[in-house]
């Protein structure tokens, strides 16, 4: 008896699935989905931490295949490194690096214990 019930339930499910498929056949439209989205963004940040002496900033923007930006950071010797960059398909990645300020070389103190 249990086998007959499962068989009848399977036949009903199969018929229902075929009827449901026929209802959608006339209404099925081919949809084209374009997964390419034009890349475009812009961001910026800045860090100023006198406790750790971490000072840096960056900003960048992209429009399509062209990326432009600049960042700077305070280096341990006291100079500031400034990097301006530009990247695109034609010329690749190009950076212009400059330094501001004068390097300070700190001589560590040696303590002699007597």
PDB file of N, CA and C in Angstrom:
ATOM      1  N   UNK A   1       0.829  -1.194   0.000  1.00  0.00           N
ATOM      2  CA  UNK A   1       0.000   0.000   0.000  1.00  0.00           C
ATOM      3  C   UNK A   1       0.875   1.260   0.000  1.00  0.00           C
ATOM      4  N   UNK A   2       1.923   1.257   0.845  1.00  0.00           N
ATOM      5  CA  UNK A   2       2.816   2.414   0.944  1.00  0.00           C
ATOM      6  C   UNK A   2       3.502   2.686  -0.386  1.00  0.00           C
ATOM      7  N   UNK A   3       3.893   1.646  -1.119  1.00  0.00           N
ATOM      8  CA  UNK A   3       4.549   1.795  -2.417  1.00  0.00           C
ATOM      9  C   UNK A   3       3.604   2.430  -3.420  1.00  0.00           C
ATOM     10  N   UNK A   4       2.318   2.066  -3.386  1.00  0.00           N
ATOM     11  CA  UNK A   4       1.338   2.655  -4.310  1.00  0.00           C
ATOM     12  C   UNK A   4       1.173   4.151  -4.038  1.00  0.00           C
ATOM     13  N   UNK A   5       1.171   4.545  -2.780  1.00  0.00           N
ATOM     14  CA  UNK A   5       1.010   5.962  -2.426  1.00  0.00           C
ATOM     15  C   UNK A   5       2.207   6.762  -2.931  1.00  0.00           C
ATOM     16  N   UNK A   6       3.414   6.244  -2.753  1.00  0.00           N
ATOM     17  CA  UNK A   6       4.609   6.938  -3.234  1.00  0.00           C
ATOM     18  C   UNK A   6       4.585   7.031  -4.753  1.00  0.00           C
ATOM     19  N   UNK A   7       4.176   5.948  -5.429  1.00  0.00           N
ATOM     20  CA  UNK A   7       4.117   5.958  -6.890  1.00  0.00           C
ATOM     21  C   UNK A   7       3.112   7.001  -7.377  1.00  0.00           C
ATOM     22  N   UNK A   8       1.924   7.061  -6.773  1.00  0.00           N
ATOM     23  CA  UNK A   8       0.901   8.036  -7.163  1.00  0.00           C
ATOM     24  C   UNK A   8       1.406   9.454  -6.895  1.00  0.00           C
ATOM     25  N   UNK A   9       2.059   9.677  -5.778  1.00  0.00           N
ATOM     26  CA  UNK A   9       2.588  11.007  -5.459  1.00  0.00           C
ATOM     27  C   UNK A   9       3.657  11.408  -6.471  1.00  0.00           C
ATOM     28  N   UNK A  10       4.495  10.471  -6.893  1.00  0.00           N
ATOM     29  CA  UNK A  10       5.529  10.770  -7.882  1.00  0.00           C
ATOM     30  C   UNK A  10       4.913  11.116  -9.227  1.00  0.00           C
ATOM     31  N   UNK A  11       3.867  10.404  -9.637  1.00  0.00           N
ATOM     32  CA  UNK A  11       3.190  10.696 -10.910  1.00  0.00           C
ATOM     33  C   UNK A  11       2.540  12.071 -10.849  1.00  0.00           C
ATOM     34  N   UNK A  12       1.898  12.403  -9.753  1.00  0.00           N
ATOM     35  CA  UNK A  12       1.258  13.717  -9.611  1.00  0.00           C
ATOM     36  C   UNK A  12       2.312  14.821  -9.676  1.00  0.00           C
ATOM     37  N   UNK A  13       3.434  14.633  -9.023  1.00  0.00           N
ATOM     38  CA  UNK A  13       4.500  15.636  -9.049  1.00  0.00           C
ATOM     39  C   UNK A  13       5.053  15.805 -10.458  1.00  0.00           C
ATOM     40  N   UNK A  14       5.218  14.723 -11.189  1.00  0.00           N
ATOM     41  CA  UNK A  14       5.737  14.783 -12.554  1.00  0.00           C
ATOM     42  C   UNK A  14       4.770  15.517 -13.470  1.00  0.00           C
ATOM     43  N   UNK A  15       3.486  15.225 -13.374  1.00  0.00           N
ATOM     44  CA  UNK A  15       2.476  15.891 -14.206  1.00  0.00           C
ATOM     45  C   UNK A  15       2.401  17.372 -13.864  1.00  0.00           C
ATOM     46  N   UNK A  16       2.460  17.710 -12.587  1.00  0.00           N
ATOM     47  CA  UNK A  16       2.405  19.115 -12.178  1.00  0.00           C
ATOM     48  C   UNK A  16       3.603  19.881 -12.715  1.00  0.00           C
ATOM     49  N   UNK A  17       4.767  19.279 -12.691  1.00  0.00           N
ATOM     50  CA  UNK A  17       5.967  19.942 -13.192  1.00  0.00           C
ATOM     51  C   UNK A  17       5.870  20.179 -14.690  1.00  0.00           C
ATOM     52  N   UNK A  18       5.325  19.218 -15.435  1.00  0.00           N
ATOM     53  CA  UNK A  18       5.184  19.389 -16.886  1.00  0.00           C
ATOM     54  C   UNK A  18       4.171  20.477 -17.206  1.00  0.00           C
ATOM     55  N   UNK A  19       3.056  20.524 -16.475  1.00  0.00           N
ATOM     56  CA  UNK A  19       2.056  21.571 -16.702  1.00  0.00           C
ATOM     57  C   UNK A  19       2.635  22.943 -16.400  1.00  0.00           C
ATOM     58  N   UNK A  20       3.379  23.043 -15.334  1.00  0.00           N
ATOM     59  CA  UNK A  20       3.969  24.323 -14.973  1.00  0.00           C
ATOM     60  C   UNK A  20       4.980  24.762 -16.023  1.00  0.00           C
ATOM     61  N   UNK A  21       5.737  23.840 -16.605  1.00  0.00           N
ATOM     62  CA  UNK A  21       6.712  24.169 -17.647  1.00  0.00           C
ATOM     63  C   UNK A  21       5.998  24.666 -18.906  1.00  0.00           C
ATOM     64  N   UNK A  22       4.861  24.047 -19.256  1.00  0.00           N
ATOM     65  CA  UNK A  22       4.113  24.464 -20.453  1.00  0.00           C
ATOM     66  C   UNK A  22       3.552  25.869 -20.287  1.00  0.00           C
ATOM     67  N   UNK A  23       3.151  26.244 -19.088  1.00  0.00           N
ATOM     68  CA  UNK A  23       2.591  27.572 -18.849  1.00  0.00           C
ATOM     69  C   UNK A  23       3.633  28.658 -19.089  1.00  0.00           C
ATOM     70  N   UNK A  24       4.896  28.374 -18.818  1.00  0.00           N
ATOM     71  CA  UNK A  24       5.949  29.376 -18.952  1.00  0.00           C
ATOM     72  C   UNK A  24       6.598  29.395 -20.329  1.00  0.00           C
ATOM     73  N   UNK A  25       6.321  28.398 -21.163  1.00  0.00           N
ATOM     74  CA  UNK A  25       6.975  28.342 -22.470  1.00  0.00           C
ATOM     75  C   UNK A  25       6.656  29.555 -23.332  1.00  0.00           C
ATOM     76  N   UNK A  26       5.425  29.994 -23.355  1.00  0.00           N
ATOM     77  CA  UNK A  26       5.032  31.118 -24.192  1.00  0.00           C
ATOM     78  C   UNK A  26       5.503  32.455 -23.661  1.00  0.00           C
ATOM     79  N   UNK A  27       5.837  32.514 -22.400  1.00  0.00           N
ATOM     80  CA  UNK A  27       6.205  33.783 -21.774  1.00  0.00           C
ATOM     81  C   UNK A  27       7.705  33.927 -21.535  1.00  0.00           C
ATOM     82  N   UNK A  28       8.480  32.965 -21.966  1.00  0.00           N
ATOM     83  CA  UNK A  28       9.924  33.014 -21.729  1.00  0.00           C
ATOM     84  C   UNK A  28      10.573  33.967 -22.722  1.00  0.00           C
ATOM     85  N   UNK A  29      11.221  34.995 -22.192  1.00  0.00           N
ATOM     86  CA  UNK A  29      11.935  35.952 -23.032  1.00  0.00           C
ATOM     87  C   UNK A  29      13.421  35.823 -22.760  1.00  0.00           C
ATOM     88  N   UNK A  30      14.204  35.899 -23.813  1.00  0.00           N
ATOM     89  CA  UNK A  30      15.659  35.849 -23.676  1.00  0.00           C
ATOM     90  C   UNK A  30      16.127  37.179 -23.099  1.00  0.00           C
ATOM     91  N   UNK A  31      16.825  37.133 -21.992  1.00  0.00           N
ATOM     92  CA  UNK A  31      17.318  38.356 -21.371  1.00  0.00           C
ATOM     93  C   UNK A  31      18.824  38.425 -21.516  1.00  0.00           C
ATOM     94  N   UNK A  32      19.305  39.574 -21.961  1.00  0.00           N
ATOM     95  CA  UNK A  32      20.741  39.798 -22.066  1.00  0.00           C
ATOM     96  C   UNK A  32      21.189  40.568 -20.833  1.00  0.00           C
ATOM     97  N   UNK A  33      22.159  40.030 -20.145  1.00  0.00           N
ATOM     98  CA  UNK A  33      22.681  40.684 -18.955  1.00  0.00           C
ATOM     99  C   UNK A  33      24.118  41.097 -19.248  1.00  0.00           C
ATOM    100  N   UNK A  34      24.385  42.377 -19.125  1.00  0.00           N
ATOM    101  CA  UNK A  34      25.726  42.900 -19.344  1.00  0.00           C
ATOM    102  C   UNK A  34      26.412  43.012 -17.987  1.00  0.00           C
ATOM    103  N   UNK A  35      27.420  42.192 -17.768  1.00  0.00           N
ATOM    104  CA  UNK A  35      28.099  42.175 -16.482  1.00  0.00           C
ATOM    105  C   UNK A  35      29.214  43.207 -16.391  1.00  0.00           C
ATOM    106  N   UNK A  36      29.484  43.940 -17.449  1.00  0.00           N
ATOM    107  CA  UNK A  36      30.519  44.962 -17.421  1.00  0.00           C
ATOM    108  C   UNK A  36      29.926  46.244 -16.853  1.00  0.00           C
ATOM    109  N   UNK A  37      30.513  46.725 -15.822  1.00  0.00           N
ATOM    110  CA  UNK A  37      30.121  48.018 -15.257  1.00  0.00           C
ATOM    111  C   UNK A  37      31.321  48.944 -15.405  1.00  0.00           C
ATOM    112  N   UNK A  38      31.092  50.132 -15.874  1.00  0.00           N
ATOM    113  CA  UNK A  38      32.159  51.110 -16.060  1.00  0.00           C
ATOM    114  C   UNK A  38      32.773  51.408 -14.695  1.00  0.00           C
ATOM    115  N   UNK A  39      34.054  51.069 -14.494  1.00  0.00           N
ATOM    116  CA  UNK A  39      34.654  51.308 -13.182  1.00  0.00           C
ATOM    117  C   UNK A  39      34.867  52.797 -12.923  1.00  0.00           C
ATOM    118  N   UNK A  40      34.306  53.262 -11.836  1.00  0.00           N
ATOM    119  CA  UNK A  40      34.446  54.669 -11.478  1.00  0.00           C
ATOM    120  C   UNK A  40      34.348  54.785  -9.959  1.00  0.00           C
ATOM    121  N   UNK A  41      35.386  55.372  -9.354  1.00  0.00           N
ATOM    122  CA  UNK A  41      35.362  55.573  -7.908  1.00  0.00           C
ATOM    123  C   UNK A  41      36.312  56.700  -7.544  1.00  0.00           C
ATOM    124  N   UNK A  42      36.203  57.122  -6.304  1.00  0.00           N
ATOM    125  CA  UNK A  42      37.100  58.123  -5.747  1.00  0.00           C
ATOM    126  C   UNK A  42      37.149  57.899  -4.243  1.00  0.00           C
ATOM    127  N   UNK A  43      38.354  57.987  -3.668  1.00  0.00           N
ATOM    128  CA  UNK A  43      38.466  57.860  -2.222  1.00  0.00           C
ATOM    129  C   UNK A  43      39.619  58.713  -1.717  1.00  0.00           C
ATOM    130  N   UNK A  44      39.583  58.973  -0.429  1.00  0.00           N
ATOM    131  CA  UNK A  44      40.655  59.730   0.216  1.00  0.00           C
ATOM    132  C   UNK A  44      40.667  59.370   1.697  1.00  0.00           C
ATOM    133  N   UNK A  45      41.859  59.438   2.285  1.00  0.00           N
ATOM    134  CA  UNK A  45      41.974  59.265   3.732  1.00  0.00           C
ATOM    135  C   UNK A  45      43.205  60.005   4.227  1.00  0.00           C
ATOM    136  N   UNK A  46      43.219  60.254   5.530  1.00  0.00           N
ATOM    137  CA  UNK A  46      44.341  60.945   6.145  1.00  0.00           C
ATOM    138  C   UNK A  46      44.512  60.420   7.567  1.00  0.00           C
ATOM    139  N   UNK A  47      45.760  60.202   7.953  1.00  0.00           N
ATOM    140  CA  UNK A  47      46.071  59.745   9.304  1.00  0.00           C
ATOM    141  C   UNK A  47      47.043  60.737   9.925  1.00  0.00           C
ATOM    142  N   UNK A  48      46.706  61.195  11.132  1.00  0.00           N
ATOM    143  CA  UNK A  48      47.582  62.088  11.895  1.00  0.00           C
ATOM    144  C   UNK A  48      47.634  61.552  13.317  1.00  0.00           C
ATOM    145  N   UNK A  49      48.702  60.847  13.636  1.00  0.00           N
ATOM    146  CA  UNK A  49      48.834  60.261  14.961  1.00  0.00           C
ATOM    147  C   UNK A  49      50.157  60.701  15.589  1.00  0.00           C
ATOM    148  N   UNK A  50      50.125  61.766  16.400  1.00  0.00           N
ATOM    149  CA  UNK A  50      51.365  62.260  16.999  1.00  0.00           C
ATOM    150  C   UNK A  50      51.994  61.265  17.984  1.00  0.00           C
ATOM    151  N   UNK A  51      51.199  60.390  18.546  1.00  0.00           N
ATOM    152  CA  UNK A  51      51.729  59.404  19.495  1.00  0.00           C
ATOM    153  C   UNK A  51      52.674  58.418  18.799  1.00  0.00           C
ATOM    154  N   UNK A  52      52.284  57.943  17.618  1.00  0.00           N
ATOM    155  CA  UNK A  52      53.111  56.973  16.879  1.00  0.00           C
ATOM    156  C   UNK A  52      53.933  57.637  15.782  1.00  0.00           C
ATOM    157  N   UNK A  53      53.746  58.931  15.609  1.00  0.00           N
ATOM    158  CA  UNK A  53      54.416  59.692  14.539  1.00  0.00           C
ATOM    159  C   UNK A  53      54.027  59.172  13.157  1.00  0.00           C
ATOM    160  N   UNK A  54      52.797  58.717  13.046  1.00  0.00           N
ATOM    161  CA  UNK A  54      52.286  58.211  11.767  1.00  0.00           C
ATOM    162  C   UNK A  54      51.464  59.313  11.109  1.00  0.00           C
ATOM    163  N   UNK A  55      52.021  59.905  10.070  1.00  0.00           N
ATOM    164  CA  UNK A  55      51.352  60.966   9.326  1.00  0.00           C
ATOM    165  C   UNK A  55      51.368  60.574   7.858  1.00  0.00           C
ATOM    166  N   UNK A  56      50.198  60.377   7.291  1.00  0.00           N
ATOM    167  CA  UNK A  56      50.118  60.034   5.872  1.00  0.00           C
ATOM    168  C   UNK A  56      48.736  60.371   5.341  1.00  0.00           C
ATOM    169  N   UNK A  57      48.657  60.477   4.030  1.00  0.00           N
ATOM    170  CA  UNK A  57      47.376  60.747   3.379  1.00  0.00           C
ATOM    171  C   UNK A  57      47.418  60.174   1.975  1.00  0.00           C
ATOM    172  N   UNK A  58      46.253  59.894   1.436  1.00  0.00           N
ATOM    173  CA  UNK A  58      46.147  59.419   0.057  1.00  0.00           C
ATOM    174  C   UNK A  58      44.796  59.818  -0.506  1.00  0.00           C
ATOM    175  N   UNK A  59      44.789  60.139  -1.783  1.00  0.00           N
ATOM    176  CA  UNK A  59      43.532  60.275  -2.514  1.00  0.00           C
ATOM    177  C   UNK A  59      43.744  59.687  -3.900  1.00  0.00           C
ATOM    178  N   UNK A  60      42.669  59.109  -4.438  1.00  0.00           N
ATOM    179  CA  UNK A  60      42.752  58.438  -5.731  1.00  0.00           C
ATOM    180  C   UNK A  60      41.385  58.491  -6.395  1.00  0.00           C
ATOM    181  N   UNK A  61      41.387  58.581  -7.719  1.00  0.00           N
ATOM    182  CA  UNK A  61      40.135  58.457  -8.454  1.00  0.00           C
ATOM    183  C   UNK A  61      40.373  57.652  -9.723  1.00  0.00           C
ATOM    184  N   UNK A  62      39.340  56.932 -10.119  1.00  0.00           N
ATOM    185  CA  UNK A  62      39.391  56.101 -11.312  1.00  0.00           C
ATOM    186  C   UNK A  62      38.159  56.383 -12.144  1.00  0.00           C
ATOM    187  N   UNK A  63      38.383  56.466 -13.447  1.00  0.00           N
ATOM    188  CA  UNK A  63      37.297  56.606 -14.408  1.00  0.00           C
ATOM    189  C   UNK A  63      37.648  55.712 -15.589  1.00  0.00           C
ATOM    190  N   UNK A  64      36.978  54.587 -15.687  1.00  0.00           N
ATOM    191  CA  UNK A  64      37.297  53.628 -16.740  1.00  0.00           C
ATOM    192  C   UNK A  64      38.638  52.982 -16.469  1.00  0.00           C
ATOM    193  N   UNK A  65      39.522  53.039 -17.447  1.00  0.00           N
ATOM    194  CA  UNK A  65      40.841  52.427 -17.306  1.00  0.00           C
ATOM    195  C   UNK A  65      41.913  53.418 -16.876  1.00  0.00           C
ATOM    196  N   UNK A  66      41.518  54.591 -16.432  1.00  0.00           N
ATOM    197  CA  UNK A  66      42.480  55.615 -16.015  1.00  0.00           C
ATOM    198  C   UNK A  66      42.391  55.809 -14.498  1.00  0.00           C
ATOM    199  N   UNK A  67      43.536  55.653 -13.841  1.00  0.00           N
ATOM    200  CA  UNK A  67      43.619  55.847 -12.390  1.00  0.00           C
ATOM    201  C   UNK A  67      44.645  56.937 -12.121  1.00  0.00           C
ATOM    202  N   UNK A  68      44.267  57.916 -11.289  1.00  0.00           N
ATOM    203  CA  UNK A  68      45.181  58.993 -10.895  1.00  0.00           C
ATOM    204  C   UNK A  68      45.109  59.140  -9.387  1.00  0.00           C
ATOM    205  N   UNK A  69      46.244  59.463  -8.794  1.00  0.00           N
ATOM    206  CA  UNK A  69      46.227  59.645  -7.355  1.00  0.00           C
ATOM    207  C   UNK A  69      47.521  60.210  -6.831  1.00  0.00           C
ATOM    208  N   UNK A  70      47.523  60.414  -5.527  1.00  0.00           N
ATOM    209  CA  UNK A  70      48.689  60.950  -4.839  1.00  0.00           C
ATOM    210  C   UNK A  70      48.657  60.456  -3.403  1.00  0.00           C
ATOM    211  N   UNK A  71      49.832  60.159  -2.880  1.00  0.00           N
ATOM    212  CA  UNK A  71      49.927  59.870  -1.452  1.00  0.00           C
ATOM    213  C   UNK A  71      51.213  60.454  -0.900  1.00  0.00           C
ATOM    214  N   UNK A  72      51.202  60.710   0.386  1.00  0.00           N
ATOM    215  CA  UNK A  72      52.400  61.222   1.046  1.00  0.00           C
ATOM    216  C   UNK A  72      52.502  60.584   2.420  1.00  0.00           C
ATOM    217  N   UNK A  73      53.745  60.523   2.910  1.00  0.00           N
ATOM    218  CA  UNK A  73      53.966  59.983   4.243  1.00  0.00           C
ATOM    219  C   UNK A  73      55.227  60.581   4.834  1.00  0.00           C
ATOM    220  N   UNK A  74      55.200  60.723   6.149  1.00  0.00           N
ATOM    221  CA  UNK A  74      56.366  61.218   6.878  1.00  0.00           C
ATOM    222  C   UNK A  74      57.272  60.024   7.139  1.00  0.00           C
ATOM    223  N   UNK A  75      58.516  60.153   6.724  1.00  0.00           N
ATOM    224  CA  UNK A  75      59.468  59.059   6.878  1.00  0.00           C
ATOM    225  C   UNK A  75      60.218  59.189   8.203  1.00  0.00           C
ATOM    226  N   UNK A  76      60.838  58.114   8.669  1.00  0.00           N
ATOM    227  CA  UNK A  76      61.538  58.157   9.963  1.00  0.00           C
ATOM    228  C   UNK A  76      62.644  59.208  10.044  1.00  0.00           C
ATOM    229  N   UNK A  77      63.236  59.574   8.904  1.00  0.00           N
ATOM    230  CA  UNK A  77      64.323  60.566   8.936  1.00  0.00           C
ATOM    231  C   UNK A  77      63.818  62.005   8.946  1.00  0.00           C
ATOM    232  N   UNK A  78      62.492  62.194   8.987  1.00  0.00           N
ATOM    233  CA  UNK A  78      61.919  63.535   9.047  1.00  0.00           C
ATOM    234  C   UNK A  78      61.489  64.100   7.709  1.00  0.00           C
ATOM    235  N   UNK A  79      61.840  63.459   6.610  1.00  0.00           N
ATOM    236  CA  UNK A  79      61.417  63.947   5.295  1.00  0.00           C
ATOM    237  C   UNK A  79      59.997  63.470   5.001  1.00  0.00           C
ATOM    238  N   UNK A  80      59.390  64.121   4.032  1.00  0.00           N
ATOM    239  CA  UNK A  80      58.056  63.733   3.580  1.00  0.00           C
ATOM    240  C   UNK A  80      58.189  63.233   2.149  1.00  0.00           C
ATOM    241  N   UNK A  81      57.741  62.011   1.921  1.00  0.00           N
ATOM    242  CA  UNK A  81      57.748  61.449   0.571  1.00  0.00           C
ATOM    243  C   UNK A  81      56.383  61.708  -0.059  1.00  0.00           C
ATOM    244  N   UNK A  82      56.382  62.272  -1.271  1.00  0.00           N
ATOM    245  CA  UNK A  82      55.148  62.567  -1.999  1.00  0.00           C
ATOM    246  C   UNK A  82      55.197  61.812  -3.323  1.00  0.00           C
ATOM    247  N   UNK A  83      54.193  60.998  -3.566  1.00  0.00           N
ATOM    248  CA  UNK A  83      54.135  60.199  -4.790  1.00  0.00           C
ATOM    249  C   UNK A  83      52.854  60.547  -5.537  1.00  0.00           C
ATOM    250  N   UNK A  84      53.019  61.033  -6.763  1.00  0.00           N
ATOM    251  CA  UNK A  84      51.878  61.268  -7.651  1.00  0.00           C
ATOM    252  C   UNK A  84      51.935  60.189  -8.718  1.00  0.00           C
ATOM    253  N   UNK A  85      50.809  59.537  -8.968  1.00  0.00           N
ATOM    254  CA  UNK A  85      50.821  58.435  -9.923  1.00  0.00           C
ATOM    255  C   UNK A  85      49.654  58.520 -10.900  1.00  0.00           C
ATOM    256  N   UNK A  86      49.864  57.848 -12.028  1.00  0.00           N
ATOM    257  CA  UNK A  86      48.892  57.810 -13.115  1.00  0.00           C
ATOM    258  C   UNK A  86      49.033  56.446 -13.778  1.00  0.00           C
ATOM    259  N   UNK A  87      47.930  55.800 -14.057  1.00  0.00           N
ATOM    260  CA  UNK A  87      47.983  54.500 -14.719  1.00  0.00           C
ATOM    261  C   UNK A  87      46.861  54.401 -15.741  1.00  0.00           C
ATOM    262  N   UNK A  88      47.187  53.857 -16.902  1.00  0.00           N
ATOM    263  CA  UNK A  88      46.187  53.577 -17.929  1.00  0.00           C
ATOM    264  C   UNK A  88      46.698  52.441 -18.812  1.00  0.00           C
ATOM    265  N   UNK A  89      45.854  51.979 -19.728  1.00  0.00           N
ATOM    266  CA  UNK A  89      46.231  50.863 -20.597  1.00  0.00           C
ATOM    267  C   UNK A  89      47.382  51.219 -21.527  1.00  0.00           C
ATOM    268  N   UNK A  90      47.434  52.453 -21.970  1.00  0.00           N
ATOM    269  CA  UNK A  90      48.435  52.856 -22.959  1.00  0.00           C
ATOM    270  C   UNK A  90      49.837  52.969 -22.358  1.00  0.00           C
ATOM    271  N   UNK A  91      49.957  53.666 -21.227  1.00  0.00           N
ATOM    272  CA  UNK A  91      51.294  53.936 -20.684  1.00  0.00           C
ATOM    273  C   UNK A  91      51.640  53.121 -19.441  1.00  0.00           C
ATOM    274  N   UNK A  92      50.719  52.327 -18.928  1.00  0.00           N
ATOM    275  CA  UNK A  92      50.989  51.543 -17.727  1.00  0.00           C
ATOM    276  C   UNK A  92      50.990  52.411 -16.479  1.00  0.00           C
ATOM    277  N   UNK A  93      51.735  51.983 -15.467  1.00  0.00           N
ATOM    278  CA  UNK A  93      51.803  52.709 -14.200  1.00  0.00           C
ATOM    279  C   UNK A  93      53.020  53.622 -14.208  1.00  0.00           C
ATOM    280  N   UNK A  94      52.809  54.892 -13.902  1.00  0.00           N
ATOM    281  CA  UNK A  94      53.892  55.873 -13.837  1.00  0.00           C
ATOM    282  C   UNK A  94      53.779  56.642 -12.533  1.00  0.00           C
ATOM    283  N   UNK A  95      54.905  56.813 -11.862  1.00  0.00           N
ATOM    284  CA  UNK A  95      54.912  57.530 -10.585  1.00  0.00           C
ATOM    285  C   UNK A  95      55.999  58.591 -10.585  1.00  0.00           C
ATOM    286  N   UNK A  96      55.673  59.732  -9.995  1.00  0.00           N
ATOM    287  CA  UNK A  96      56.626  60.822  -9.803  1.00  0.00           C
ATOM    288  C   UNK A  96      56.836  60.940  -8.295  1.00  0.00           C
ATOM    289  N   UNK A  97      58.046  60.673  -7.838  1.00  0.00           N
ATOM    290  CA  UNK A  97      58.345  60.662  -6.406  1.00  0.00           C
ATOM    291  C   UNK A  97      59.206  61.869  -6.059  1.00  0.00           C
ATOM    292  N   UNK A  98      58.777  62.613  -5.039  1.00  0.00           N
ATOM    293  CA  UNK A  98      59.532  63.777  -4.563  1.00  0.00           C
ATOM    294  C   UNK A  98      59.671  63.685  -3.050  1.00  0.00           C
ATOM    295  N   UNK A  99      60.674  64.380  -2.543  1.00  0.00           N
ATOM    296  CA  UNK A  99      60.905  64.431  -1.099  1.00  0.00           C
ATOM    297  C   UNK A  99      60.957  65.884  -0.659  1.00  0.00           C
ATOM    298  N   UNK A 100      60.337  66.168   0.480  1.00  0.00           N
ATOM    299  CA  UNK A 100      60.382  67.508   1.061  1.00  0.00           C
ATOM    300  C   UNK A 100      61.064  67.427   2.414  1.00  0.00           C
ATOM    301  N   UNK A 101      61.730  68.508   2.761  1.00  0.00           N
ATOM    302  CA  UNK A 101      62.395  68.572   4.059  1.00  0.00           C
ATOM    303  C   UNK A 101      63.812  68.046   3.991  1.00  0.00           C
ATOM    304  N   UNK A 102      64.471  68.099   5.127  1.00  0.00           N
ATOM    305  CA  UNK A 102      65.859  67.650   5.222  1.00  0.00           C
ATOM    306  C   UNK A 102      65.930  66.458   6.169  1.00  0.00           C
ATOM    307  N   UNK A 103      66.687  65.480   5.768  1.00  0.00           N
ATOM    308  CA  UNK A 103      66.833  64.283   6.598  1.00  0.00           C
ATOM    309  C   UNK A 103      67.589  64.612   7.876  1.00  0.00           C
ATOM    310  N   UNK A 104      67.091  64.107   8.971  1.00  0.00           N
ATOM    311  CA  UNK A 104      67.735  64.292  10.274  1.00  0.00           C
ATOM    312  C   UNK A 104      68.232  62.927  10.734  1.00  0.00           C
ATOM    313  N   UNK A 105      69.510  62.812  10.863  1.00  0.00           N
ATOM    314  CA  UNK A 105      70.086  61.553  11.326  1.00  0.00           C
ATOM    315  C   UNK A 105      70.326  61.653  12.824  1.00  0.00           C
ATOM    316  N   UNK A 106      69.585  60.902  13.541  1.00  0.00           N
ATOM    317  CA  UNK A 106      69.679  60.926  14.999  1.00  0.00           C
ATOM    318  C   UNK A 106      70.711  59.892  15.437  1.00  0.00           C
ATOM    319  N   UNK A 107      71.669  60.361  16.189  1.00  0.00           N
ATOM    320  CA  UNK A 107      72.704  59.468  16.712  1.00  0.00           C
ATOM    321  C   UNK A 107      72.222  58.945  18.054  1.00  0.00           C
ATOM    322  N   UNK A 108      72.128  57.642  18.190  1.00  0.00           N
ATOM    323  CA  UNK A 108      71.650  57.100  19.471  1.00  0.00           C
ATOM    324  C   UNK A 108      72.658  57.355  20.582  1.00  0.00           C
ATOM    325  N   UNK A 109      72.120  57.638  21.745  1.00  0.00           N
ATOM    326  CA  UNK A 109      72.982  57.884  22.901  1.00  0.00           C
ATOM    327  C   UNK A 109      73.387  56.550  23.505  1.00  0.00           C
ATOM    328  N   UNK A 110      74.657  56.458  23.858  1.00  0.00           N
ATOM    329  CA  UNK A 110      75.148  55.247  24.520  1.00  0.00           C
ATOM    330  C   UNK A 110      75.396  55.587  25.984  1.00  0.00           C
ATOM    331  N   UNK A 111      74.785  54.858  26.834  1.00  0.00           N
ATOM    332  CA  UNK A 111      74.957  55.074  28.269  1.00  0.00           C
ATOM    333  C   UNK A 111      76.002  54.096  28.785  1.00  0.00           C
ATOM    334  N   UNK A 112      77.005  54.636  29.416  1.00  0.00           N
ATOM    335  CA  UNK A 112      78.055  53.795  29.992  1.00  0.00           C
ATOM    336  C   UNK A 112      77.757  53.597  31.469  1.00  0.00           C
ATOM    337  N   UNK A 113      77.753  52.388  31.871  1.00  0.00           N
ATOM    338  CA  UNK A 113      77.505  52.070  33.281  1.00  0.00           C
ATOM    339  C   UNK A 113      78.830  51.751  33.960  1.00  0.00           C
ATOM    340  N   UNK A 114      79.150  52.476  35.025  1.00  0.00           N
ATOM    341  CA  UNK A 114      80.398  52.247  35.772  1.00  0.00           C
ATOM    342  C   UNK A 114      80.082  51.698  37.113  1.00  0.00           C
TER     343      UNK A 114
END
